Amino acid sequence: MVRAIPRPGQDTRLKTLATRLAEAARVEPGNIRFEALTEKGGSVLLMAEYETPEAYDAHMQAPHTQAFRRALERIAEGSRATVTPLARLA
């Protein structure tokens, strides 16, 4: 799970970039799901699930992921997103 908080005036740009990332990630080999959600206040939540750690690593190295991460430096608070690894409970 990733949470990105937009800098003032950047919420629309963040949503656009997150949507593009989700569309690209959903067709990656090993992707099970990739959800882009918004929270009240304009934050974006990205929830991804991959079949293997290698598929996730490939996603992180993909050009579209790298471009998204570079864009966050300009448009997200703290110049990055907060990444929280999750594990299936039930």
Protein backbone atom coordinates (compact mmCIF):
# COMPACT_ATOMS: atom_id res chain seq x y z
CA MET A 1 0.00 0.00 0.00
CA VAL A 2 1.24 3.48 -0.83
CA ARG A 3 -0.21 6.77 0.42
CA ALA A 4 0.74 10.01 -1.32
CA ILE A 5 -0.38 13.41 -0.03
CA PRO A 6 -0.45 16.09 -2.73
CA ARG A 7 1.21 19.43 -2.26
CA PRO A 8 -1.21 22.37 -2.48
CA GLY A 9 -2.70 22.62 -5.96
CA GLN A 10 -1.32 19.24 -7.06
CA ASP A 11 -4.24 16.94 -6.23
CA THR A 12 -5.53 16.70 -9.81
CA ARG A 13 -2.04 16.00 -11.16
CA LEU A 14 -1.47 13.32 -8.51
CA LYS A 15 -4.77 11.63 -9.36
CA THR A 16 -3.95 11.69 -13.08
CA LEU A 17 -0.51 10.18 -12.55
CA ALA A 18 -1.85 7.53 -10.16
CA THR A 19 -4.51 6.55 -12.70
CA ARG A 20 -1.89 6.16 -15.43
CA LEU A 21 0.33 4.12 -13.14
CA ALA A 22 -2.56 1.82 -12.22
CA GLU A 23 -3.43 1.24 -15.87
CA ALA A 24 0.16 0.36 -16.73
CA ALA A 25 0.69 -1.82 -13.65
CA ARG A 26 -2.44 -3.89 -14.22
CA VAL A 27 -0.96 -5.40 -17.40
CA GLU A 28 2.43 -6.24 -15.88
CA PRO A 29 3.35 -9.93 -15.63
CA GLY A 30 2.54 -11.21 -12.16
CA ASN A 31 0.14 -8.42 -11.22
CA ILE A 32 -2.90 -9.68 -9.33
CA ARG A 33 -4.47 -6.30 -8.66
CA PHE A 34 -3.61 -2.62 -8.59
CA GLU A 35 -6.12 -0.19 -7.13
CA ALA A 36 -5.86 3.61 -7.15
CA LEU A 37 -8.15 5.22 -4.57
CA THR A 38 -8.65 8.73 -3.26
CA GLU A 39 -9.14 9.88 0.31
CA LYS A 40 -10.90 12.93 1.62
CA GLY A 41 -8.46 15.81 1.29
CA GLY A 42 -6.98 14.62 -2.01
CA SER A 43 -4.54 11.95 -0.87
CA VAL A 44 -4.11 8.95 -3.12
CA LEU A 45 -3.89 5.37 -1.93
CA LEU A 46 -2.36 2.74 -4.20
CA MET A 47 -2.94 -0.89 -3.30
CA ALA A 48 -1.04 -3.52 -5.26
CA GLU A 49 -0.70 -7.26 -5.12
CA TYR A 50 1.78 -9.33 -7.10
CA GLU A 51 2.18 -13.09 -7.50
CA THR A 52 5.83 -13.13 -6.45
CA PRO A 53 8.43 -10.82 -4.90
CA GLU A 54 10.20 -10.85 -8.28
CA ALA A 55 7.07 -9.56 -10.04
CA TYR A 56 6.85 -6.76 -7.47
CA ASP A 57 10.55 -5.95 -7.94
CA ALA A 58 10.02 -5.79 -11.71
CA HIS A 59 7.12 -3.39 -11.14
CA MET A 60 9.30 -1.15 -9.01
CA GLN A 61 11.94 -1.04 -11.78
CA ALA A 62 9.46 -0.49 -14.63
CA PRO A 63 9.80 2.83 -16.47
CA HIS A 64 6.23 3.89 -15.61
CA THR A 65 6.84 3.26 -11.90
CA GLN A 66 10.15 5.14 -11.95
CA ALA A 67 8.48 8.09 -13.73
CA PHE A 68 5.71 8.14 -11.11
CA ARG A 69 8.24 8.13 -8.29
CA ARG A 70 10.19 11.01 -9.88
CA ALA A 71 6.97 13.01 -10.29
CA LEU A 72 6.18 12.53 -6.60
CA GLU A 73 9.29 14.52 -5.75
CA ARG A 74 7.56 17.57 -7.23
CA ILE A 75 3.92 17.02 -6.35
CA ALA A 76 3.74 15.08 -3.06
CA GLU A 77 4.26 16.29 0.49
CA GLY A 78 7.58 15.12 1.83
CA SER A 79 8.72 14.55 -1.77
CA ARG A 80 7.66 10.91 -1.64
CA ALA A 81 4.91 8.48 -0.84
CA THR A 82 4.65 6.43 2.32
CA VAL A 83 4.94 2.73 1.50
CA THR A 84 3.36 0.21 3.87
CA PRO A 85 3.85 -3.49 3.10
CA LEU A 86 0.75 -5.53 3.85
CA ALA A 87 0.22 -9.25 4.32
CA ARG A 88 -2.98 -11.21 3.78
CA LEU A 89 -4.73 -11.93 7.08
CA ALA A 90 -7.80 -13.84 5.94
